[in-house]
Protein backbone atom coordinates (compact mmCIF):
# COMPACT_ATOMS: atom_id res chain seq x y z
CA UNK A 1 114.81 -74.93 171.84
CA UNK A 2 111.85 -72.86 173.10
CA UNK A 3 112.44 -70.33 170.30
CA UNK A 4 114.01 -71.56 167.07
CA UNK A 5 115.30 -68.92 164.66
CA UNK A 6 114.52 -69.86 161.07
CA UNK A 7 115.99 -66.85 159.25
CA UNK A 8 117.49 -63.46 159.97
CA UNK A 9 118.68 -61.17 157.20
CA UNK A 10 118.99 -57.75 155.62
CA UNK A 11 117.31 -56.48 152.45
CA UNK A 12 119.09 -53.47 150.93
CA UNK A 13 116.24 -53.03 148.44
CA UNK A 14 113.09 -54.65 149.78
CA UNK A 15 111.00 -56.26 147.07
CA UNK A 16 107.20 -56.35 146.96
CA UNK A 17 105.76 -59.34 148.84
CA UNK A 18 102.22 -60.74 148.80
CA UNK A 19 101.25 -63.68 151.01
CA UNK A 20 97.53 -64.56 150.81
CA UNK A 21 98.13 -67.51 153.16
CA UNK A 22 100.47 -65.61 155.44
CA UNK A 23 103.80 -66.94 156.67
CA UNK A 24 103.93 -70.21 158.65
CA UNK A 25 106.08 -68.77 161.49
CA UNK A 26 106.33 -65.54 163.46
CA UNK A 27 107.81 -62.84 161.22
CA UNK A 28 109.36 -59.54 162.30
CA UNK A 29 109.93 -56.91 159.58
CA UNK A 30 111.72 -53.68 160.47
CA UNK A 31 112.46 -50.56 158.43
CA UNK A 32 116.13 -49.57 158.52
CA UNK A 33 115.98 -46.75 155.95
CA UNK A 34 113.27 -45.33 153.73
CA UNK A 35 109.64 -46.32 154.13
CA UNK A 36 107.27 -49.08 153.18
CA UNK A 37 103.60 -49.91 153.37
CA UNK A 38 101.95 -53.07 154.65
CA UNK A 39 98.40 -54.26 154.07
CA UNK A 40 97.04 -56.46 156.84
CA UNK A 41 93.52 -57.12 158.01
CA UNK A 42 92.19 -54.87 155.27
CA UNK A 43 94.19 -51.90 156.60
CA UNK A 44 97.05 -50.05 154.93
CA UNK A 45 99.75 -48.98 157.36
CA UNK A 46 103.04 -47.16 156.84
CA UNK A 47 106.35 -48.56 158.09
CA UNK A 48 108.70 -45.57 158.47
CA UNK A 49 112.08 -45.61 160.16
CA UNK A 50 111.97 -46.55 163.85
CA UNK A 51 109.09 -48.92 163.28
CA UNK A 52 108.50 -52.58 162.54
CA UNK A 53 105.73 -55.14 162.49
CA UNK A 54 105.41 -58.49 164.23
CA UNK A 55 103.31 -60.77 162.04
CA UNK A 56 101.67 -63.79 163.58
CA UNK A 57 101.75 -67.12 161.70
CA UNK A 58 99.40 -67.67 158.76
CA UNK A 59 97.98 -64.13 158.67
CA UNK A 60 97.37 -62.73 155.19
CA UNK A 61 99.51 -59.71 154.38
CA UNK A 62 101.37 -57.84 151.65
CA UNK A 63 104.01 -55.14 151.70
CA UNK A 64 105.88 -52.88 149.28
CA UNK A 65 108.12 -49.83 149.34
CA UNK A 66 106.63 -46.33 149.19
CA UNK A 67 109.96 -44.51 148.96
CA UNK A 68 112.66 -44.67 146.31
CA UNK A 69 114.48 -47.15 148.49
CA UNK A 70 113.30 -49.32 151.38
CA UNK A 71 115.91 -51.11 153.45
CA UNK A 72 114.64 -53.70 155.90
CA UNK A 73 115.85 -56.32 158.33
CA UNK A 74 113.80 -59.40 159.15
CA UNK A 75 113.61 -62.22 161.66
CA UNK A 76 111.45 -65.35 161.43
CA UNK A 77 111.11 -67.80 164.29
CA UNK A 78 109.06 -70.66 165.67
CA UNK A 79 109.77 -73.32 168.30
CA UNK A 80 107.85 -75.35 170.83
CA UNK A 81 107.29 -72.43 173.20
CA UNK A 82 107.34 -69.49 170.77
CA UNK A 83 103.60 -68.83 170.98
CA UNK A 84 103.64 -69.10 174.79
CA UNK A 85 106.56 -66.69 175.08
CA UNK A 86 105.05 -64.12 172.70
CA UNK A 87 101.76 -64.33 174.59
CA UNK A 88 103.55 -63.99 177.94
CA UNK A 89 104.94 -60.66 176.72
CA UNK A 90 101.34 -59.52 176.09
CA UNK A 91 101.77 -59.61 172.31
CA UNK A 92 98.50 -61.22 171.33
CA UNK A 93 98.12 -60.29 167.67
CA UNK A 94 99.99 -58.91 164.66
CA UNK A 95 100.91 -55.29 165.35
CA UNK A 96 103.14 -52.41 164.29
CA UNK A 97 105.54 -51.12 166.91
CA UNK A 98 107.18 -47.70 167.09
CA UNK A 99 110.10 -46.60 169.24
CA UNK A 100 111.92 -43.40 170.01
CA UNK A 101 115.06 -42.65 168.00
CA UNK A 102 118.18 -42.86 170.11
CA UNK A 103 117.08 -45.72 172.36
CA UNK A 104 119.44 -48.14 170.62
CA UNK A 105 116.64 -50.59 169.92
CA UNK A 106 116.78 -50.00 166.15
CA UNK A 107 120.34 -51.35 166.07
CA UNK A 108 119.61 -54.54 168.00
CA UNK A 109 118.83 -56.81 165.03
CA UNK A 110 121.64 -55.50 162.78
CA UNK A 111 124.09 -56.10 165.64
CA UNK A 112 122.62 -59.56 166.26
CA UNK A 113 122.90 -60.43 162.56
CA UNK A 114 126.55 -59.35 162.50
CA UNK A 115 127.30 -61.48 165.57
CA UNK A 116 125.52 -64.57 164.23
CA UNK A 117 127.30 -64.33 160.88
CA UNK A 118 130.57 -64.93 162.75
CA UNK A 119 129.30 -68.11 164.40
CA UNK A 120 129.37 -71.64 163.02
CA UNK A 121 126.02 -72.59 164.59
CA UNK A 122 124.17 -69.56 163.24
CA UNK A 123 120.69 -70.75 164.18
CA UNK A 124 121.47 -72.67 167.36
CA UNK A 125 121.03 -71.98 171.06
CA UNK A 126 122.75 -68.58 170.97
CA UNK A 127 120.38 -67.39 168.24
CA UNK A 128 117.44 -68.62 170.32
CA UNK A 129 118.62 -66.63 173.33
CA UNK A 130 119.15 -63.50 171.21
CA UNK A 131 115.67 -63.80 169.68
CA UNK A 132 114.17 -64.06 173.16
CA UNK A 133 116.13 -61.01 174.32
CA UNK A 134 114.99 -59.10 171.22
CA UNK A 135 111.33 -59.81 172.06
CA UNK A 136 111.85 -58.59 175.62
CA UNK A 137 113.39 -55.35 174.34
CA UNK A 138 110.56 -54.96 171.84
CA UNK A 139 108.11 -55.25 174.71
CA UNK A 140 110.13 -52.66 176.65
CA UNK A 141 110.72 -50.05 173.94
CA UNK A 142 108.00 -50.72 171.36
CA UNK A 143 104.75 -48.77 171.37
CA UNK A 144 101.69 -49.52 169.27
CA UNK A 145 101.05 -45.82 168.77
CA UNK A 146 103.13 -42.74 168.02
CA UNK A 147 103.52 -40.19 170.77
CA UNK A 148 105.81 -37.19 170.85
CA UNK A 149 105.52 -37.16 174.63
CA UNK A 150 106.97 -40.63 175.21
CA UNK A 151 110.58 -39.47 175.13
CA UNK A 152 109.80 -36.66 177.56
CA UNK A 153 107.97 -39.04 179.92
CA UNK A 154 110.82 -41.55 179.82
CA UNK A 155 113.12 -38.82 181.05
CA UNK A 156 110.76 -37.97 183.89
CA UNK A 157 110.40 -41.61 184.91
CA UNK A 158 114.05 -42.64 184.59
CA UNK A 159 115.00 -41.79 188.23
CA UNK A 160 112.22 -44.10 189.41
CA UNK A 161 112.83 -46.92 186.92
CA UNK A 162 116.55 -46.81 187.78
CA UNK A 163 115.66 -46.96 191.48
CA UNK A 164 113.33 -49.91 190.91
CA UNK A 165 116.14 -51.77 189.11
CA UNK A 166 118.11 -51.57 192.36
CA UNK A 167 115.30 -52.11 194.87
CA UNK A 168 112.77 -54.44 193.18
CA UNK A 169 113.61 -57.10 195.81
CA UNK A 170 112.08 -55.00 198.59
CA UNK A 171 108.56 -56.37 199.21
CA UNK A 172 107.55 -53.13 200.95
CA UNK A 173 107.56 -51.05 197.74
CA UNK A 174 104.13 -49.73 196.82
CA UNK A 175 102.57 -46.82 194.96
CA UNK A 176 103.29 -44.41 197.81
CA UNK A 177 107.00 -45.25 197.85
CA UNK A 178 107.24 -44.97 194.05
CA UNK A 179 105.46 -41.60 194.00
CA UNK A 180 107.72 -40.33 196.80
CA UNK A 181 110.83 -41.44 194.91
CA UNK A 182 109.72 -39.41 191.90
CA UNK A 183 108.35 -36.49 193.90
CA UNK A 184 104.88 -36.62 192.35
CA UNK A 185 101.38 -37.58 193.45
CA UNK A 186 100.09 -41.13 193.03
CA UNK A 187 97.62 -39.83 190.47
CA UNK A 188 100.41 -38.23 188.40
CA UNK A 189 102.48 -41.39 188.75
CA UNK A 190 99.65 -43.49 187.31
CA UNK A 191 99.13 -41.07 184.43
CA UNK A 192 102.83 -41.04 183.49
CA UNK A 193 103.06 -44.84 183.46
CA UNK A 194 99.87 -45.30 181.47
CA UNK A 195 100.95 -42.72 178.87
CA UNK A 196 104.47 -44.12 178.58
CA UNK A 197 104.20 -47.88 179.11
CA UNK A 198 100.47 -48.51 178.75
CA UNK A 199 100.31 -50.14 182.20
CA UNK A 200 100.04 -49.05 185.84
CA UNK A 201 103.14 -48.47 187.99
CA UNK A 202 102.30 -51.57 190.05
CA UNK A 203 102.08 -53.73 186.93
CA UNK A 204 105.41 -52.31 185.75
CA UNK A 205 106.98 -53.38 189.06
CA UNK A 206 105.39 -56.84 188.81
CA UNK A 207 106.72 -57.31 185.27
CA UNK A 208 110.18 -56.15 186.40
CA UNK A 209 110.15 -58.65 189.29
CA UNK A 210 109.03 -61.46 187.00
CA UNK A 211 111.75 -60.57 184.49
CA UNK A 212 114.36 -60.69 187.26
CA UNK A 213 112.83 -63.98 188.36
CA UNK A 214 113.31 -65.40 184.85
CA UNK A 215 116.97 -64.39 184.93
CA UNK A 216 117.49 -66.10 188.30
CA UNK A 217 115.61 -69.25 187.28
CA UNK A 218 117.71 -69.75 184.17
CA UNK A 219 120.97 -68.38 185.56
CA UNK A 220 121.22 -70.41 188.77
CA UNK A 221 119.56 -73.82 188.86
CA UNK A 222 120.53 -74.29 192.51
CA UNK A 223 118.10 -71.59 193.59
CA UNK A 224 114.70 -72.92 194.64
CA UNK A 225 111.52 -71.27 193.41
CA UNK A 226 110.95 -70.11 196.99
CA UNK A 227 114.37 -68.45 197.05
CA UNK A 228 113.73 -66.73 193.71
CA UNK A 229 110.41 -65.46 195.07
CA UNK A 230 112.14 -63.89 198.07
CA UNK A 231 114.92 -62.35 196.00
CA UNK A 232 112.45 -60.68 193.63
CA UNK A 233 110.26 -59.02 196.25
CA UNK A 234 107.42 -61.51 196.71
CA UNK A 235 106.36 -62.20 200.27
CA UNK A 236 105.73 -65.90 199.57
CA UNK A 237 106.30 -68.49 196.85
CA UNK A 238 102.60 -69.01 196.12
CA UNK A 239 102.15 -65.34 195.15
CA UNK A 240 105.25 -65.51 192.95
CA UNK A 241 104.07 -68.71 191.23
CA UNK A 242 100.55 -67.35 190.62
CA UNK A 243 101.87 -64.04 189.26
CA UNK A 244 104.49 -65.78 187.12
CA UNK A 245 101.87 -68.10 185.63
CA UNK A 246 99.51 -65.19 184.89
CA UNK A 247 102.17 -63.04 183.20
CA UNK A 248 104.32 -65.69 181.52
CA UNK A 249 101.63 -68.26 180.77
CA UNK A 250 103.47 -71.13 182.47
CA UNK A 251 104.85 -72.09 185.87
CA UNK A 252 108.37 -71.08 186.97
CA UNK A 253 109.49 -74.71 186.87
CA UNK A 254 108.23 -75.19 183.31
CA UNK A 255 109.93 -71.98 182.22
CA UNK A 256 113.19 -73.15 183.80
CA UNK A 257 112.92 -76.53 182.07
CA UNK A 258 112.27 -74.96 178.66
CA UNK A 259 115.21 -72.60 178.82
CA UNK A 260 117.65 -74.76 180.76
CA UNK A 261 116.69 -78.36 179.96
CA UNK A 262 118.33 -81.23 181.81
CA UNK A 263 120.76 -83.30 179.78
């Protein structure tokens, strides 16, 4: 499996942890209620509600509660392609992520844990797929800084992002079309995307197209790479392959093989 879940669990009263040698796998730690503190890279950082930290393997860290009670949920994972996948999502180092309350992201892991507890093969292929989906949602909703304006900007951008979900396959979409859809200038469009997502509108569209390409590659093996390129808004297969390799860190065919291996 490209991502192999080692553990997933809930701590109703998180104990103090010190790991001078780090943890051997990727480790996600999320505050459910209360607040904690983590020391990493010589820095002390708070972990309040609606935040969590993705720790890279073998990185020294320690954490403890700072409130009367600190409830956490955790996920640890490895696998032959785990590092490639994390890197493809532009997560290149251990970092704390924050998200807006009400997005539903905070409930993802608790819901996943409840679902896996009902399955016989708790850490099998289904767990791998859920871990991958969790990382995608973390990339979508997580921010490495707090900003009271993010929620407001998301509301402003939602008509455009909804429109892009329906029209990403149109190769004629550019900055002018996106700005017109939202009724703002190109300059304002760029500012809103950089403040909200940390990337340009064009890069957002590219990432959306690549994400849709991943879904097609793994969902329908009969589709050729050229067909997937056309369906996701790329004018030719070579542009799709080059963009996919740059963003994901591997070719479309390798990605397809990792997630839907031949038996």
